[in-house]
Amino acid sequence: MTGTRRFAQIDVFGDGPDYGNPVAVVIDGAGLQDSELQRFANWTNLSETTFLMAPTQPGADYRVRIFTPSRELPFAGHPTLGSAHAWLEANGAGNRESVVQECAAGLVSLRRDAGGRLAFAGPPLVQSGPLDDAVLAEIVSTLGVSRDEIVDHAWTDNGPGWATVLLNSAERVLALTPTAPGGTRELGVVGLHPDGTPELRAFVIEDGGYWEDPVTGSLNAGVAEWLLQSGRLTAPYVARQGTALGRSGRIHVDRDGEGTVWVGGQTRTVVSGTVAL
């Protein structure tokens, strides 16, 4: 039976109103079948839609399930920040300094960073190290770049499956127009501006086409783990993403004394109300 549930749409990582990446959040997500969750996520047609539920693990404040229009994800970054923002706001706890989220990837800690923004602790990489030759050749073909333009490459997979390449400049990153060969891949691309600021793009390659995610927390977390460890970047820094799509994403990255990478950004409620679901 269809019921009325609280709903919010949150802009995440935007450097100003409506410049980031929106996430749809169903605040009262309990009691729905998986098919209903997936159908609603397909209907919103956003990169991710989340559903908040009571936690099942000790120490968690809430549980979240994260769906793209076609599948469920164990973890994703901007939905984590947007879901935490919506949960805090719905519970009258908007000034709270920390929160713990339960998701399929486990427990994720969030806190307020030095600028008062929500930030999540990057989850451990489930796959790291250099890409193999076959994957790299596929990416070279997909991006339409020469092998010499790739400075470095690695798996930066903390759940969604990111394979990432570092190109020789941010300018080259912004000029990319990928093609879509057979298969499916989550592809991250990063390049540095002359001042050292990273510029990122995130492509989901699917049979017959691709779509680009405006601003991607999970990719930025994985890239931070990789490039901080390799010494190509130092924390704290602010990355850019969404430029090629007319967005102005700003991702604030820091690393604490224990080596945990924290990824933060602005969160702002744009739409609030109820949905029939």
C-alpha atoms as a PDB file:
ATOM      1  CA  MET A   1       0.000   0.000   0.000  1.00  0.00           C
ATOM      2  CA  THR A   2       1.320   3.430  -0.921  1.00  0.00           C
ATOM      3  CA  GLY A   3       2.115   5.681   2.048  1.00  0.00           C
ATOM      4  CA  THR A   4       3.388   9.198   2.594  1.00  0.00           C
ATOM      5  CA  ARG A   5       7.036   9.441   3.574  1.00  0.00           C
ATOM      6  CA  ARG A   6       9.287  12.372   4.399  1.00  0.00           C
ATOM      7  CA  PHE A   7      11.612  13.327   1.575  1.00  0.00           C
ATOM      8  CA  ALA A   8      14.467  15.739   0.921  1.00  0.00           C
ATOM      9  CA  GLN A   9      16.742  16.524  -1.994  1.00  0.00           C
ATOM     10  CA  ILE A  10      20.169  17.697  -0.891  1.00  0.00           C
ATOM     11  CA  ASP A  11      22.816  19.519  -2.910  1.00  0.00           C
ATOM     12  CA  VAL A  12      26.245  18.178  -1.943  1.00  0.00           C
ATOM     13  CA  PHE A  13      29.732  19.625  -2.572  1.00  0.00           C
ATOM     14  CA  GLY A  14      28.383  22.758  -4.283  1.00  0.00           C
ATOM     15  CA  ASP A  15      30.440  25.940  -4.159  1.00  0.00           C
ATOM     16  CA  GLY A  16      27.260  28.001  -3.985  1.00  0.00           C
ATOM     17  CA  PRO A  17      23.554  27.215  -4.422  1.00  0.00           C
ATOM     18  CA  ASP A  18      22.768  24.282  -6.730  1.00  0.00           C
ATOM     19  CA  TYR A  19      26.322  23.892  -8.028  1.00  0.00           C
ATOM     20  CA  GLY A  20      27.029  20.466  -6.573  1.00  0.00           C
ATOM     21  CA  ASN A  21      25.527  17.003  -6.931  1.00  0.00           C
ATOM     22  CA  PRO A  22      21.933  16.344  -5.813  1.00  0.00           C
ATOM     23  CA  VAL A  23      20.909  13.247  -3.880  1.00  0.00           C
ATOM     24  CA  ALA A  24      17.313  12.205  -3.181  1.00  0.00           C
ATOM     25  CA  VAL A  25      16.746  11.048   0.401  1.00  0.00           C
ATOM     26  CA  VAL A  26      13.650   9.161   1.568  1.00  0.00           C
ATOM     27  CA  ILE A  27      13.852   9.783   5.301  1.00  0.00           C
ATOM     28  CA  ASP A  28      11.283   7.139   6.293  1.00  0.00           C
ATOM     29  CA  GLY A  29      12.588   4.238   4.224  1.00  0.00           C
ATOM     30  CA  ALA A  30      11.568   1.279   6.376  1.00  0.00           C
ATOM     31  CA  GLY A  31       9.084  -1.336   5.210  1.00  0.00           C
ATOM     32  CA  LEU A  32       9.700  -1.056   1.476  1.00  0.00           C
ATOM     33  CA  GLN A  33      10.552  -4.002  -0.762  1.00  0.00           C
ATOM     34  CA  ASP A  34      13.811  -3.989  -2.690  1.00  0.00           C
ATOM     35  CA  SER A  35      11.851  -3.693  -5.936  1.00  0.00           C
ATOM     36  CA  GLU A  36      10.130  -0.558  -4.605  1.00  0.00           C
ATOM     37  CA  LEU A  37      13.433   1.001  -3.595  1.00  0.00           C
ATOM     38  CA  GLN A  38      14.945   0.333  -6.998  1.00  0.00           C
ATOM     39  CA  ARG A  39      11.865   1.538  -8.869  1.00  0.00           C
ATOM     40  CA  PHE A  40      11.804   4.840  -6.997  1.00  0.00           C
ATOM     41  CA  ALA A  41      15.543   5.366  -7.564  1.00  0.00           C
ATOM     42  CA  ASN A  42      14.999   4.734 -11.258  1.00  0.00           C
ATOM     43  CA  TRP A  43      12.156   7.266 -11.239  1.00  0.00           C
ATOM     44  CA  THR A  44      14.158  10.058  -9.568  1.00  0.00           C
ATOM     45  CA  ASN A  45      16.790   9.513 -12.285  1.00  0.00           C
ATOM     46  CA  LEU A  46      19.516  11.010 -10.098  1.00  0.00           C
ATOM     47  CA  SER A  47      22.921   9.408  -9.795  1.00  0.00           C
ATOM     48  CA  GLU A  48      21.862   8.139  -6.344  1.00  0.00           C
ATOM     49  CA  THR A  49      18.759   7.913  -4.180  1.00  0.00           C
ATOM     50  CA  THR A  50      19.001   6.860  -0.532  1.00  0.00           C
ATOM     51  CA  PHE A  51      16.600   5.388   1.987  1.00  0.00           C
ATOM     52  CA  LEU A  52      17.089   5.921   5.730  1.00  0.00           C
ATOM     53  CA  MET A  53      16.169   3.186   8.193  1.00  0.00           C
ATOM     54  CA  ALA A  54      16.744   2.207  11.812  1.00  0.00           C
ATOM     55  CA  PRO A  55      20.283   0.924  12.417  1.00  0.00           C
ATOM     56  CA  THR A  56      21.009  -2.746  12.965  1.00  0.00           C
ATOM     57  CA  GLN A  57      24.587  -2.407  14.250  1.00  0.00           C
ATOM     58  CA  PRO A  58      25.647  -1.084  17.659  1.00  0.00           C
ATOM     59  CA  GLY A  59      27.043   2.431  17.505  1.00  0.00           C
ATOM     60  CA  ALA A  60      25.218   3.462  14.323  1.00  0.00           C
ATOM     61  CA  ASP A  61      22.788   6.371  14.340  1.00  0.00           C
ATOM     62  CA  TYR A  62      20.923   5.257  11.220  1.00  0.00           C
ATOM     63  CA  ARG A  63      21.139   2.795   8.366  1.00  0.00           C
ATOM     64  CA  VAL A  64      21.179   3.852   4.715  1.00  0.00           C
ATOM     65  CA  ARG A  65      20.638   1.961   1.480  1.00  0.00           C
ATOM     66  CA  ILE A  66      22.019   3.602  -1.639  1.00  0.00           C
ATOM     67  CA  PHE A  67      20.615   3.041  -5.127  1.00  0.00           C
ATOM     68  CA  THR A  68      21.535   4.268  -8.586  1.00  0.00           C
ATOM     69  CA  PRO A  69      18.790   4.137 -11.231  1.00  0.00           C
ATOM     70  CA  SER A  70      19.863   0.551 -11.983  1.00  0.00           C
ATOM     71  CA  ARG A  71      21.519  -1.042  -8.915  1.00  0.00           C
ATOM     72  CA  GLU A  72      22.343  -0.835  -5.218  1.00  0.00           C
ATOM     73  CA  LEU A  73      25.767   0.392  -4.053  1.00  0.00           C
ATOM     74  CA  PRO A  74      27.541  -0.672  -0.844  1.00  0.00           C
ATOM     75  CA  PHE A  75      28.930   2.848  -0.381  1.00  0.00           C
ATOM     76  CA  ALA A  76      28.946   6.218  -2.135  1.00  0.00           C
ATOM     77  CA  GLY A  77      30.336   9.528  -0.954  1.00  0.00           C
ATOM     78  CA  HIS A  78      27.956  12.335  -1.841  1.00  0.00           C
ATOM     79  CA  PRO A  79      24.925  10.210  -0.796  1.00  0.00           C
ATOM     80  CA  THR A  80      26.659   9.655   2.553  1.00  0.00           C
ATOM     81  CA  LEU A  81      27.017  13.399   3.176  1.00  0.00           C
ATOM     82  CA  GLY A  82      23.531  14.164   1.861  1.00  0.00           C
ATOM     83  CA  SER A  83      21.924  11.380   3.903  1.00  0.00           C
ATOM     84  CA  ALA A  84      23.669  12.522   7.082  1.00  0.00           C
ATOM     85  CA  HIS A  85      22.532  16.097   6.433  1.00  0.00           C
ATOM     86  CA  ALA A  86      18.931  14.957   5.926  1.00  0.00           C
ATOM     87  CA  TRP A  87      18.981  12.699   9.018  1.00  0.00           C
ATOM     88  CA  LEU A  88      20.425  15.435  11.229  1.00  0.00           C
ATOM     89  CA  GLU A  89      17.917  17.982   9.944  1.00  0.00           C
ATOM     90  CA  ALA A  90      14.952  15.613  10.318  1.00  0.00           C
ATOM     91  CA  ASN A  91      15.963  14.873  13.907  1.00  0.00           C
ATOM     92  CA  GLY A  92      16.574  18.478  14.901  1.00  0.00           C
ATOM     93  CA  ALA A  93      20.281  17.818  15.366  1.00  0.00           C
ATOM     94  CA  GLY A  94      21.723  20.021  12.640  1.00  0.00           C
ATOM     95  CA  ASN A  95      24.561  21.301  14.844  1.00  0.00           C
ATOM     96  CA  ARG A  96      25.712  17.871  16.004  1.00  0.00           C
ATOM     97  CA  GLU A  97      29.462  17.390  15.577  1.00  0.00           C
ATOM     98  CA  SER A  98      29.567  13.681  14.662  1.00  0.00           C
ATOM     99  CA  VAL A  99      27.363  10.863  13.415  1.00  0.00           C
ATOM    100  CA  VAL A 100      27.846   7.196  12.480  1.00  0.00           C
ATOM    101  CA  GLN A 101      26.201   5.788   9.364  1.00  0.00           C
ATOM    102  CA  GLU A 102      25.539   2.113   8.729  1.00  0.00           C
ATOM    103  CA  CYS A 103      25.620   0.985   5.091  1.00  0.00           C
ATOM    104  CA  ALA A 104      26.398  -2.207   3.209  1.00  0.00           C
ATOM    105  CA  ALA A 105      30.117  -1.389   3.365  1.00  0.00           C
ATOM    106  CA  GLY A 106      29.999  -1.183   7.175  1.00  0.00           C
ATOM    107  CA  LEU A 107      30.038   1.725   9.609  1.00  0.00           C
ATOM    108  CA  VAL A 108      31.104   5.127   8.281  1.00  0.00           C
ATOM    109  CA  SER A 109      32.057   7.926  10.658  1.00  0.00           C
ATOM    110  CA  LEU A 110      31.142  11.521   9.861  1.00  0.00           C
ATOM    111  CA  ARG A 111      32.180  14.721  11.590  1.00  0.00           C
ATOM    112  CA  ARG A 112      32.197  18.475  11.163  1.00  0.00           C
ATOM    113  CA  ASP A 113      35.426  19.662   9.571  1.00  0.00           C
ATOM    114  CA  ALA A 114      37.259  22.887  10.392  1.00  0.00           C
ATOM    115  CA  GLY A 115      34.884  24.833   8.157  1.00  0.00           C
ATOM    116  CA  GLY A 116      31.762  23.353   9.747  1.00  0.00           C
ATOM    117  CA  ARG A 117      31.128  21.128   6.734  1.00  0.00           C
ATOM    118  CA  LEU A 118      30.145  17.484   7.060  1.00  0.00           C
ATOM    119  CA  ALA A 119      32.996  15.121   6.202  1.00  0.00           C
ATOM    120  CA  PHE A 120      33.145  11.333   6.044  1.00  0.00           C
ATOM    121  CA  ALA A 121      36.030   9.036   6.849  1.00  0.00           C
ATOM    122  CA  GLY A 122      37.092   7.366   3.626  1.00  0.00           C
ATOM    123  CA  PRO A 123      36.476   3.611   3.809  1.00  0.00           C
ATOM    124  CA  PRO A 124      39.376   1.235   3.139  1.00  0.00           C
ATOM    125  CA  LEU A 125      40.125   0.427  -0.476  1.00  0.00           C
ATOM    126  CA  VAL A 126      38.871  -2.998  -1.498  1.00  0.00           C
ATOM    127  CA  GLN A 127      41.127  -2.947  -4.552  1.00  0.00           C
ATOM    128  CA  SER A 128      44.305  -0.927  -5.022  1.00  0.00           C
ATOM    129  CA  GLY A 129      47.549  -1.040  -6.947  1.00  0.00           C
ATOM    130  CA  PRO A 130      48.270  -0.422 -10.646  1.00  0.00           C
ATOM    131  CA  LEU A 131      45.735  -1.292 -13.324  1.00  0.00           C
ATOM    132  CA  ASP A 132      46.567  -4.300 -15.457  1.00  0.00           C
ATOM    133  CA  ASP A 133      47.512  -3.838 -19.098  1.00  0.00           C
ATOM    134  CA  ALA A 134      44.137  -4.939 -20.482  1.00  0.00           C
ATOM    135  CA  VAL A 135      42.178  -2.494 -18.309  1.00  0.00           C
ATOM    136  CA  LEU A 136      44.592   0.311 -19.101  1.00  0.00           C
ATOM    137  CA  ALA A 137      44.328  -0.338 -22.830  1.00  0.00           C
ATOM    138  CA  GLU A 138      40.527  -0.238 -22.548  1.00  0.00           C
ATOM    139  CA  ILE A 139      40.695   3.111 -20.732  1.00  0.00           C
ATOM    140  CA  VAL A 140      43.094   4.602 -23.286  1.00  0.00           C
ATOM    141  CA  SER A 141      40.616   3.670 -26.011  1.00  0.00           C
ATOM    142  CA  THR A 142      37.611   4.931 -24.051  1.00  0.00           C
ATOM    143  CA  LEU A 143      39.145   8.307 -23.255  1.00  0.00           C
ATOM    144  CA  GLY A 144      40.771   8.819 -26.649  1.00  0.00           C
ATOM    145  CA  VAL A 145      44.145   9.673 -25.113  1.00  0.00           C
ATOM    146  CA  SER A 146      47.636   8.459 -25.885  1.00  0.00           C
ATOM    147  CA  ARG A 147      49.425   6.220 -23.411  1.00  0.00           C
ATOM    148  CA  ASP A 148      52.040   8.952 -22.928  1.00  0.00           C
ATOM    149  CA  GLU A 149      49.380  11.306 -21.544  1.00  0.00           C
ATOM    150  CA  ILE A 150      48.755   8.956 -18.602  1.00  0.00           C
ATOM    151  CA  VAL A 151      51.202   9.868 -15.823  1.00  0.00           C
ATOM    152  CA  ASP A 152      50.025   7.161 -13.413  1.00  0.00           C
ATOM    153  CA  HIS A 153      47.122   4.769 -12.857  1.00  0.00           C
ATOM    154  CA  ALA A 154      45.578   2.744 -10.028  1.00  0.00           C
ATOM    155  CA  TRP A 155      42.530   1.018  -8.650  1.00  0.00           C
ATOM    156  CA  THR A 156      40.899   3.456  -6.216  1.00  0.00           C
ATOM    157  CA  ASP A 157      38.000   1.142  -5.438  1.00  0.00           C
ATOM    158  CA  ASN A 158      36.313   1.670  -2.064  1.00  0.00           C
ATOM    159  CA  GLY A 159      33.019   0.082  -3.106  1.00  0.00           C
ATOM    160  CA  PRO A 160      31.748   1.436  -6.425  1.00  0.00           C
ATOM    161  CA  GLY A 161      34.681  -0.046  -8.405  1.00  0.00           C
ATOM    162  CA  TRP A 162      36.763   2.947  -9.495  1.00  0.00           C
ATOM    163  CA  ALA A 163      39.660   2.492 -11.919  1.00  0.00           C
ATOM    164  CA  THR A 164      41.516   5.814 -12.117  1.00  0.00           C
ATOM    165  CA  VAL A 165      44.121   7.432 -14.319  1.00  0.00           C
ATOM    166  CA  LEU A 166      46.183  10.558 -13.685  1.00  0.00           C
ATOM    167  CA  LEU A 167      46.585  12.625 -16.850  1.00  0.00           C
ATOM    168  CA  ASN A 168      49.304  15.155 -17.536  1.00  0.00           C
ATOM    169  CA  SER A 169      47.139  18.248 -16.911  1.00  0.00           C
ATOM    170  CA  ALA A 170      43.763  19.434 -15.690  1.00  0.00           C
ATOM    171  CA  GLU A 171      43.259  21.032 -19.100  1.00  0.00           C
ATOM    172  CA  ARG A 172      43.460  17.631 -20.758  1.00  0.00           C
ATOM    173  CA  VAL A 173      40.980  16.199 -18.231  1.00  0.00           C
ATOM    174  CA  LEU A 174      38.457  18.930 -19.005  1.00  0.00           C
ATOM    175  CA  ALA A 175      38.781  18.365 -22.774  1.00  0.00           C
ATOM    176  CA  LEU A 176      37.862  14.650 -22.647  1.00  0.00           C
ATOM    177  CA  THR A 177      34.916  13.260 -24.606  1.00  0.00           C
ATOM    178  CA  PRO A 178      34.848   9.501 -23.905  1.00  0.00           C
ATOM    179  CA  THR A 179      33.453   6.809 -26.128  1.00  0.00           C
ATOM    180  CA  ALA A 180      31.723   3.706 -24.808  1.00  0.00           C
ATOM    181  CA  PRO A 181      33.073   0.316 -25.870  1.00  0.00           C
ATOM    182  CA  GLY A 182      31.440  -2.858 -24.652  1.00  0.00           C
ATOM    183  CA  GLY A 183      31.258  -3.575 -20.966  1.00  0.00           C
ATOM    184  CA  THR A 184      30.693  -1.505 -17.855  1.00  0.00           C
ATOM    185  CA  ARG A 185      33.264   0.390 -15.819  1.00  0.00           C
ATOM    186  CA  GLU A 186      33.453   3.144 -13.215  1.00  0.00           C
ATOM    187  CA  LEU A 187      36.264   5.332 -14.548  1.00  0.00           C
ATOM    188  CA  GLY A 188      37.931   8.163 -12.642  1.00  0.00           C
ATOM    189  CA  VAL A 189      40.186  10.742 -14.277  1.00  0.00           C
ATOM    190  CA  VAL A 190      42.314  13.313 -12.470  1.00  0.00           C
ATOM    191  CA  GLY A 191      44.766  15.997 -13.545  1.00  0.00           C
ATOM    192  CA  LEU A 192      46.507  18.843 -11.749  1.00  0.00           C
ATOM    193  CA  HIS A 193      46.135  22.549 -12.442  1.00  0.00           C
ATOM    194  CA  PRO A 194      49.377  24.579 -12.553  1.00  0.00           C
ATOM    195  CA  ASP A 195      48.855  25.540  -8.891  1.00  0.00           C
ATOM    196  CA  GLY A 196      48.550  21.862  -7.931  1.00  0.00           C
ATOM    197  CA  THR A 197      44.756  21.822  -7.489  1.00  0.00           C
ATOM    198  CA  PRO A 198      43.279  18.474  -8.613  1.00  0.00           C
ATOM    199  CA  GLU A 199      40.524  18.442 -11.249  1.00  0.00           C
ATOM    200  CA  LEU A 200      38.465  15.237 -11.361  1.00  0.00           C
ATOM    201  CA  ARG A 201      35.885  13.702 -13.656  1.00  0.00           C
ATOM    202  CA  ALA A 202      33.910  10.513 -13.006  1.00  0.00           C
ATOM    203  CA  PHE A 203      32.452   8.461 -15.850  1.00  0.00           C
ATOM    204  CA  VAL A 204      30.221   5.420 -15.657  1.00  0.00           C
ATOM    205  CA  ILE A 205      30.785   3.542 -18.900  1.00  0.00           C
ATOM    206  CA  GLU A 206      27.926   1.275 -19.928  1.00  0.00           C
ATOM    207  CA  ASP A 207      27.155  -0.651 -23.090  1.00  0.00           C
ATOM    208  CA  GLY A 208      26.326   1.858 -25.792  1.00  0.00           C
ATOM    209  CA  GLY A 209      26.994   5.021 -23.785  1.00  0.00           C
ATOM    210  CA  TYR A 210      28.199   6.694 -20.625  1.00  0.00           C
ATOM    211  CA  TRP A 211      27.096   9.228 -18.065  1.00  0.00           C
ATOM    212  CA  GLU A 212      29.185  11.601 -15.994  1.00  0.00           C
ATOM    213  CA  ASP A 213      28.693  12.091 -12.275  1.00  0.00           C
ATOM    214  CA  PRO A 214      28.918  15.796 -11.369  1.00  0.00           C
ATOM    215  CA  VAL A 215      30.768  15.456  -8.031  1.00  0.00           C
ATOM    216  CA  THR A 216      31.828  12.139  -6.535  1.00  0.00           C
ATOM    217  CA  GLY A 217      32.775  11.607  -2.892  1.00  0.00           C
ATOM    218  CA  SER A 218      33.824   7.963  -3.201  1.00  0.00           C
ATOM    219  CA  LEU A 219      36.147   8.706  -6.124  1.00  0.00           C
ATOM    220  CA  ASN A 220      37.693  11.647  -4.305  1.00  0.00           C
ATOM    221  CA  ALA A 221      38.254   9.485  -1.224  1.00  0.00           C
ATOM    222  CA  GLY A 222      39.971   6.791  -3.274  1.00  0.00           C
ATOM    223  CA  VAL A 223      42.046   9.301  -5.234  1.00  0.00           C
ATOM    224  CA  ALA A 224      43.124  10.927  -1.965  1.00  0.00           C
ATOM    225  CA  GLU A 225      44.295   7.576  -0.574  1.00  0.00           C
ATOM    226  CA  TRP A 226      46.299   6.986  -3.757  1.00  0.00           C
ATOM    227  CA  LEU A 227      47.817  10.414  -4.397  1.00  0.00           C
ATOM    228  CA  LEU A 228      48.556  11.253  -0.771  1.00  0.00           C
ATOM    229  CA  GLN A 229      50.349   7.934  -0.323  1.00  0.00           C
ATOM    230  CA  SER A 230      52.328   8.461  -3.513  1.00  0.00           C
ATOM    231  CA  GLY A 231      53.318  11.988  -2.463  1.00  0.00           C
ATOM    232  CA  ARG A 232      51.718  13.649  -5.499  1.00  0.00           C
ATOM    233  CA  LEU A 233      49.400  15.625  -3.177  1.00  0.00           C
ATOM    234  CA  THR A 234      49.628  16.835   0.401  1.00  0.00           C
ATOM    235  CA  ALA A 235      46.694  17.378   2.770  1.00  0.00           C
ATOM    236  CA  PRO A 236      44.708  19.445   3.312  1.00  0.00           C
ATOM    237  CA  TYR A 237      43.647  20.336  -0.219  1.00  0.00           C
ATOM    238  CA  VAL A 238      40.489  21.273  -2.111  1.00  0.00           C
ATOM    239  CA  ALA A 239      39.690  19.358  -5.308  1.00  0.00           C
ATOM    240  CA  ARG A 240      37.462  20.514  -8.137  1.00  0.00           C
ATOM    241  CA  GLN A 241      34.873  18.448  -9.995  1.00  0.00           C
ATOM    242  CA  GLY A 242      31.869  19.156 -12.208  1.00  0.00           C
ATOM    243  CA  THR A 243      33.515  21.963 -14.176  1.00  0.00           C
ATOM    244  CA  ALA A 244      32.861  20.293 -17.536  1.00  0.00           C
ATOM    245  CA  LEU A 245      29.157  19.987 -16.631  1.00  0.00           C
ATOM    246  CA  GLY A 246      28.695  23.591 -15.565  1.00  0.00           C
ATOM    247  CA  ARG A 247      28.854  22.686 -11.864  1.00  0.00           C
ATOM    248  CA  SER A 248      31.238  24.030  -9.254  1.00  0.00           C
ATOM    249  CA  GLY A 249      32.036  21.123  -6.970  1.00  0.00           C
ATOM    250  CA  ARG A 250      34.564  21.689  -4.215  1.00  0.00           C
ATOM    251  CA  ILE A 251      35.754  18.665  -2.246  1.00  0.00           C
ATOM    252  CA  HIS A 252      37.675  19.363   0.964  1.00  0.00           C
ATOM    253  CA  VAL A 253      40.186  16.624   1.745  1.00  0.00           C
ATOM    254  CA  ASP A 254      42.221  16.235   4.917  1.00  0.00           C
ATOM    255  CA  ARG A 255      44.123  13.462   6.682  1.00  0.00           C
ATOM    256  CA  ASP A 256      44.315  13.105  10.450  1.00  0.00           C
ATOM    257  CA  GLY A 257      47.215  11.948  12.602  1.00  0.00           C
ATOM    258  CA  GLU A 258      46.130   8.331  12.335  1.00  0.00           C
ATOM    259  CA  GLY A 259      46.204   8.460   8.533  1.00  0.00           C
ATOM    260  CA  THR A 260      42.417   8.517   8.014  1.00  0.00           C
ATOM    261  CA  VAL A 261      41.338  10.495   4.965  1.00  0.00           C
ATOM    262  CA  TRP A 262      38.352  12.802   5.524  1.00  0.00           C
ATOM    263  CA  VAL A 263      36.274  14.012   2.586  1.00  0.00           C
ATOM    264  CA  GLY A 264      33.944  16.945   3.172  1.00  0.00           C
ATOM    265  CA  GLY A 265      31.822  19.517   1.422  1.00  0.00           C
ATOM    266  CA  GLN A 266      28.877  21.833   1.691  1.00  0.00           C
ATOM    267  CA  THR A 267      25.424  20.253   2.075  1.00  0.00           C
ATOM    268  CA  ARG A 268      22.211  22.181   1.481  1.00  0.00           C
ATOM    269  CA  THR A 269      18.542  21.181   1.463  1.00  0.00           C
ATOM    270  CA  VAL A 270      16.978  22.284  -1.832  1.00  0.00           C
ATOM    271  CA  VAL A 271      13.687  20.330  -1.776  1.00  0.00           C
ATOM    272  CA  SER A 272      11.785  19.052   1.265  1.00  0.00           C
ATOM    273  CA  GLY A 273       8.357  17.578   1.724  1.00  0.00           C
ATOM    274  CA  THR A 274       6.750  14.172   1.287  1.00  0.00           C
ATOM    275  CA  VAL A 275       6.544  11.506  -1.392  1.00  0.00           C
ATOM    276  CA  ALA A 276       3.910   8.847  -2.029  1.00  0.00           C
ATOM    277  CA  LEU A 277       5.793   5.598  -1.930  1.00  0.00           C
END
